[in-house]
Amino acid sequence: MKEKLIRSIIEGTKQVFRMMLSVDPIPGEPKESRETGMKVSGITGIIGFAGERGSCILYIRCPDDVAEILASKMLGAEFNGMGEEIRDALGEIANMISGSVNSFLSDMGLEFNLSIPTIISGRDYEIDMGSGDLCSLWVPFKFNGGEFDVILAISPDILS
């Protein structure tokens, strides 16, 4: 199940980036982690999934300059600085990737309700991955313009 879920994260991310941003992201080596938190800087879009068999949290994290590039490509305007448009664009990207992952999970017979996007940004903030029970599937991506990560923290019950 993990391998298929990682594949859905990769394919969903590639589809969203190609369709909405005209960007072809290249996935790096996926990894699995049980870390409960990580210190990061930049901007992170967060979508929560809640269902009967457990919960998930999807994160898309990138540096500020990459978020500016993504928002510029998505909205067809130039941005300089972390404005509301950039936050909204990253929230929408997180929402679309989450929709793709949710569709995969639904095909596997798992139903979830999704939260609205939450965006956090700054320097040296911590992303809480939940308790040590959650398994984080982490996929780094690169494209001509920068790097970003898509992370899915998921209940072990869902993976079984």
C-alpha atoms as a PDB file:
ATOM      1  CA  MET A   1       0.000   0.000   0.000  1.00  0.00           C
ATOM      2  CA  LYS A   2       2.847   2.422   0.856  1.00  0.00           C
ATOM      3  CA  GLU A   3       4.418   2.133  -2.568  1.00  0.00           C
ATOM      4  CA  LYS A   4       1.073   2.763  -4.281  1.00  0.00           C
ATOM      5  CA  LEU A   5       0.402   5.721  -2.014  1.00  0.00           C
ATOM      6  CA  ILE A   6       3.837   7.196  -2.764  1.00  0.00           C
ATOM      7  CA  ARG A   7       3.133   6.705  -6.475  1.00  0.00           C
ATOM      8  CA  SER A   8      -0.205   8.571  -6.061  1.00  0.00           C
ATOM      9  CA  ILE A   9       1.609  11.469  -4.347  1.00  0.00           C
ATOM     10  CA  ILE A  10       4.149  11.617  -7.183  1.00  0.00           C
ATOM     11  CA  GLU A  11       1.608  11.309  -9.986  1.00  0.00           C
ATOM     12  CA  GLY A  12      -0.849  13.741  -8.365  1.00  0.00           C
ATOM     13  CA  THR A  13       1.893  16.316  -7.823  1.00  0.00           C
ATOM     14  CA  LYS A  14       3.200  15.960 -11.369  1.00  0.00           C
ATOM     15  CA  GLN A  15      -0.324  16.281 -12.799  1.00  0.00           C
ATOM     16  CA  VAL A  16      -1.125  19.424 -10.793  1.00  0.00           C
ATOM     17  CA  PHE A  17       2.206  21.074 -11.615  1.00  0.00           C
ATOM     18  CA  ARG A  18       1.957  20.275 -15.317  1.00  0.00           C
ATOM     19  CA  MET A  19      -1.667  21.379 -15.649  1.00  0.00           C
ATOM     20  CA  MET A  20      -1.700  24.471 -13.428  1.00  0.00           C
ATOM     21  CA  LEU A  21       1.906  25.692 -13.594  1.00  0.00           C
ATOM     22  CA  SER A  22       3.326  24.308 -16.856  1.00  0.00           C
ATOM     23  CA  VAL A  23       6.130  22.830 -14.745  1.00  0.00           C
ATOM     24  CA  ASP A  24       7.426  19.254 -14.952  1.00  0.00           C
ATOM     25  CA  PRO A  25       8.624  18.386 -11.438  1.00  0.00           C
ATOM     26  CA  ILE A  26      11.143  15.592 -11.018  1.00  0.00           C
ATOM     27  CA  PRO A  27      10.639  13.453  -7.913  1.00  0.00           C
ATOM     28  CA  GLY A  28      13.602  12.540  -5.766  1.00  0.00           C
ATOM     29  CA  GLU A  29      13.981   9.411  -3.687  1.00  0.00           C
ATOM     30  CA  PRO A  30      10.912   9.006  -1.424  1.00  0.00           C
ATOM     31  CA  LYS A  31      11.581   8.265   2.216  1.00  0.00           C
ATOM     32  CA  GLU A  32       9.593   7.123   5.192  1.00  0.00           C
ATOM     33  CA  SER A  33       9.931   8.750   8.583  1.00  0.00           C
ATOM     34  CA  ARG A  34       8.405   8.560  12.036  1.00  0.00           C
ATOM     35  CA  GLU A  35       9.658  11.997  13.070  1.00  0.00           C
ATOM     36  CA  THR A  36       7.055  13.896  15.049  1.00  0.00           C
ATOM     37  CA  GLY A  37       8.265  17.308  13.949  1.00  0.00           C
ATOM     38  CA  MET A  38      10.738  19.128  11.793  1.00  0.00           C
ATOM     39  CA  LYS A  39      12.141  22.643  11.792  1.00  0.00           C
ATOM     40  CA  VAL A  40      11.755  24.401   8.458  1.00  0.00           C
ATOM     41  CA  SER A  41      11.794  27.849   6.915  1.00  0.00           C
ATOM     42  CA  GLY A  42       9.745  29.120   4.010  1.00  0.00           C
ATOM     43  CA  ILE A  43       6.083  28.395   3.442  1.00  0.00           C
ATOM     44  CA  THR A  44       3.998  25.267   4.023  1.00  0.00           C
ATOM     45  CA  GLY A  45       0.514  24.430   2.786  1.00  0.00           C
ATOM     46  CA  ILE A  46      -1.374  21.944   4.960  1.00  0.00           C
ATOM     47  CA  ILE A  47      -4.517  19.875   4.291  1.00  0.00           C
ATOM     48  CA  GLY A  48      -6.021  17.529   6.873  1.00  0.00           C
ATOM     49  CA  PHE A  49      -7.860  14.296   6.017  1.00  0.00           C
ATOM     50  CA  ALA A  50     -10.297  12.741   8.517  1.00  0.00           C
ATOM     51  CA  GLY A  51     -11.953   9.357   8.088  1.00  0.00           C
ATOM     52  CA  GLU A  52     -13.268   6.373  10.002  1.00  0.00           C
ATOM     53  CA  ARG A  53     -10.015   4.379   9.707  1.00  0.00           C
ATOM     54  CA  GLY A  54      -7.735   7.235  10.688  1.00  0.00           C
ATOM     55  CA  SER A  55      -6.347  10.541   9.575  1.00  0.00           C
ATOM     56  CA  CYS A  56      -3.708  12.014   7.288  1.00  0.00           C
ATOM     57  CA  ILE A  57      -2.057  15.383   6.901  1.00  0.00           C
ATOM     58  CA  LEU A  58      -0.608  16.505   3.579  1.00  0.00           C
ATOM     59  CA  TYR A  59       2.113  19.155   3.585  1.00  0.00           C
ATOM     60  CA  ILE A  60       3.671  20.941   0.636  1.00  0.00           C
ATOM     61  CA  ARG A  61       6.736  22.862   1.774  1.00  0.00           C
ATOM     62  CA  CYS A  62       9.057  25.143  -0.145  1.00  0.00           C
ATOM     63  CA  PRO A  63      11.359  28.142   0.297  1.00  0.00           C
ATOM     64  CA  ASP A  64       9.857  31.610  -0.157  1.00  0.00           C
ATOM     65  CA  ASP A  65      11.523  32.187  -3.533  1.00  0.00           C
ATOM     66  CA  VAL A  66      10.112  28.917  -4.886  1.00  0.00           C
ATOM     67  CA  ALA A  67       6.635  29.872  -3.650  1.00  0.00           C
ATOM     68  CA  GLU A  68       6.983  33.176  -5.542  1.00  0.00           C
ATOM     69  CA  ILE A  69       7.918  31.284  -8.732  1.00  0.00           C
ATOM     70  CA  LEU A  70       4.991  28.883  -8.348  1.00  0.00           C
ATOM     71  CA  ALA A  71       2.494  31.681  -7.676  1.00  0.00           C
ATOM     72  CA  SER A  72       3.842  33.645 -10.658  1.00  0.00           C
ATOM     73  CA  LYS A  73       3.405  30.636 -12.945  1.00  0.00           C
ATOM     74  CA  MET A  74      -0.044  29.865 -11.591  1.00  0.00           C
ATOM     75  CA  LEU A  75      -1.413  33.402 -11.622  1.00  0.00           C
ATOM     76  CA  GLY A  76       0.528  34.869 -14.554  1.00  0.00           C
ATOM     77  CA  ALA A  77       1.911  37.786 -12.537  1.00  0.00           C
ATOM     78  CA  GLU A  78       5.233  38.647 -10.935  1.00  0.00           C
ATOM     79  CA  PHE A  79       5.522  38.609  -7.149  1.00  0.00           C
ATOM     80  CA  ASN A  80       8.230  39.902  -4.879  1.00  0.00           C
ATOM     81  CA  GLY A  81       7.684  39.123  -1.223  1.00  0.00           C
ATOM     82  CA  MET A  82       5.317  36.869   0.658  1.00  0.00           C
ATOM     83  CA  GLY A  83       1.912  38.380  -0.089  1.00  0.00           C
ATOM     84  CA  GLU A  84      -1.569  36.958   0.234  1.00  0.00           C
ATOM     85  CA  GLU A  85      -1.597  35.870  -3.428  1.00  0.00           C
ATOM     86  CA  ILE A  86       1.386  33.592  -2.854  1.00  0.00           C
ATOM     87  CA  ARG A  87      -0.203  32.080   0.232  1.00  0.00           C
ATOM     88  CA  ASP A  88      -3.468  31.520  -1.647  1.00  0.00           C
ATOM     89  CA  ALA A  89      -1.665  29.929  -4.612  1.00  0.00           C
ATOM     90  CA  LEU A  90       0.217  27.488  -2.387  1.00  0.00           C
ATOM     91  CA  GLY A  91      -3.019  26.658  -0.562  1.00  0.00           C
ATOM     92  CA  GLU A  92      -4.697  25.877  -3.876  1.00  0.00           C
ATOM     93  CA  ILE A  93      -1.763  23.709  -4.990  1.00  0.00           C
ATOM     94  CA  ALA A  94      -1.964  21.796  -1.676  1.00  0.00           C
ATOM     95  CA  ASN A  95      -5.725  21.452  -2.162  1.00  0.00           C
ATOM     96  CA  MET A  96      -5.355  19.995  -5.663  1.00  0.00           C
ATOM     97  CA  ILE A  97      -2.616  17.529  -4.678  1.00  0.00           C
ATOM     98  CA  SER A  98      -4.722  16.467  -1.681  1.00  0.00           C
ATOM     99  CA  GLY A  99      -7.691  15.922  -3.976  1.00  0.00           C
ATOM    100  CA  SER A 100      -5.613  13.597  -6.130  1.00  0.00           C
ATOM    101  CA  VAL A 101      -4.370  11.617  -3.104  1.00  0.00           C
ATOM    102  CA  ASN A 102      -7.916  11.512  -1.710  1.00  0.00           C
ATOM    103  CA  SER A 103      -9.174  10.119  -5.022  1.00  0.00           C
ATOM    104  CA  PHE A 104      -6.580   7.334  -4.810  1.00  0.00           C
ATOM    105  CA  LEU A 105      -7.597   6.545  -1.221  1.00  0.00           C
ATOM    106  CA  SER A 106     -11.268   6.559  -2.231  1.00  0.00           C
ATOM    107  CA  ASP A 107     -10.493   4.033  -4.989  1.00  0.00           C
ATOM    108  CA  MET A 108      -8.973   1.871  -2.225  1.00  0.00           C
ATOM    109  CA  GLY A 109     -12.288   2.026  -0.320  1.00  0.00           C
ATOM    110  CA  LEU A 110     -11.212   4.713   2.169  1.00  0.00           C
ATOM    111  CA  GLU A 111     -13.369   7.807   2.550  1.00  0.00           C
ATOM    112  CA  PHE A 112     -12.094  11.062   4.013  1.00  0.00           C
ATOM    113  CA  ASN A 113     -13.289  14.579   4.603  1.00  0.00           C
ATOM    114  CA  LEU A 114     -10.673  17.193   3.715  1.00  0.00           C
ATOM    115  CA  SER A 115      -9.978  20.413   5.581  1.00  0.00           C
ATOM    116  CA  ILE A 116      -9.553  23.779   3.968  1.00  0.00           C
ATOM    117  CA  PRO A 117      -5.912  24.722   3.329  1.00  0.00           C
ATOM    118  CA  THR A 118      -3.868  26.178   6.155  1.00  0.00           C
ATOM    119  CA  ILE A 119      -0.719  28.119   5.308  1.00  0.00           C
ATOM    120  CA  ILE A 120       2.178  28.831   7.644  1.00  0.00           C
ATOM    121  CA  SER A 121       5.345  30.694   6.814  1.00  0.00           C
ATOM    122  CA  GLY A 122       8.397  32.128   8.477  1.00  0.00           C
ATOM    123  CA  ARG A 123      11.852  31.151   9.638  1.00  0.00           C
ATOM    124  CA  ASP A 124      12.687  28.148  11.800  1.00  0.00           C
ATOM    125  CA  TYR A 125       9.118  27.096  12.533  1.00  0.00           C
ATOM    126  CA  GLU A 126       8.236  23.528  13.379  1.00  0.00           C
ATOM    127  CA  ILE A 127       5.831  21.364  11.418  1.00  0.00           C
ATOM    128  CA  ASP A 128       4.062  19.018  13.839  1.00  0.00           C
ATOM    129  CA  MET A 129       3.681  15.607  12.221  1.00  0.00           C
ATOM    130  CA  GLY A 130       1.443  14.359  15.018  1.00  0.00           C
ATOM    131  CA  SER A 131       2.299  11.628  17.446  1.00  0.00           C
ATOM    132  CA  GLY A 132       4.933   9.003  16.783  1.00  0.00           C
ATOM    133  CA  ASP A 133       2.085   6.779  15.559  1.00  0.00           C
ATOM    134  CA  LEU A 134       1.927   8.564  12.214  1.00  0.00           C
ATOM    135  CA  CYS A 135       4.108   7.425   9.347  1.00  0.00           C
ATOM    136  CA  SER A 136       5.372  10.229   7.102  1.00  0.00           C
ATOM    137  CA  LEU A 137       5.829   9.509   3.418  1.00  0.00           C
ATOM    138  CA  TRP A 138       8.138  12.253   2.172  1.00  0.00           C
ATOM    139  CA  VAL A 139       8.770  12.958  -1.517  1.00  0.00           C
ATOM    140  CA  PRO A 140      11.249  15.693  -2.507  1.00  0.00           C
ATOM    141  CA  PHE A 141      10.805  17.317  -5.930  1.00  0.00           C
ATOM    142  CA  LYS A 142      12.963  19.508  -8.158  1.00  0.00           C
ATOM    143  CA  PHE A 143      12.079  21.632 -11.142  1.00  0.00           C
ATOM    144  CA  ASN A 144      13.791  24.311 -13.173  1.00  0.00           C
ATOM    145  CA  GLY A 145      13.395  27.023 -10.558  1.00  0.00           C
ATOM    146  CA  GLY A 146      13.745  25.239  -7.264  1.00  0.00           C
ATOM    147  CA  GLU A 147      12.886  22.445  -4.906  1.00  0.00           C
ATOM    148  CA  PHE A 148       9.862  21.566  -2.768  1.00  0.00           C
ATOM    149  CA  ASP A 149       8.643  18.656  -0.657  1.00  0.00           C
ATOM    150  CA  VAL A 150       5.311  16.866  -0.466  1.00  0.00           C
ATOM    151  CA  ILE A 151       4.837  14.972   2.782  1.00  0.00           C
ATOM    152  CA  LEU A 152       1.896  12.786   3.781  1.00  0.00           C
ATOM    153  CA  ALA A 153       1.714  11.953   7.498  1.00  0.00           C
ATOM    154  CA  ILE A 154      -0.672   9.004   7.702  1.00  0.00           C
ATOM    155  CA  SER A 155      -2.160   6.730  10.368  1.00  0.00           C
ATOM    156  CA  PRO A 156      -0.683   3.204  10.276  1.00  0.00           C
ATOM    157  CA  ASP A 157      -4.241   1.778  10.241  1.00  0.00           C
ATOM    158  CA  ILE A 158      -4.743   3.258   6.785  1.00  0.00           C
ATOM    159  CA  LEU A 159      -1.573   1.654   5.473  1.00  0.00           C
ATOM    160  CA  SER A 160      -2.568  -1.837   6.604  1.00  0.00           C
END
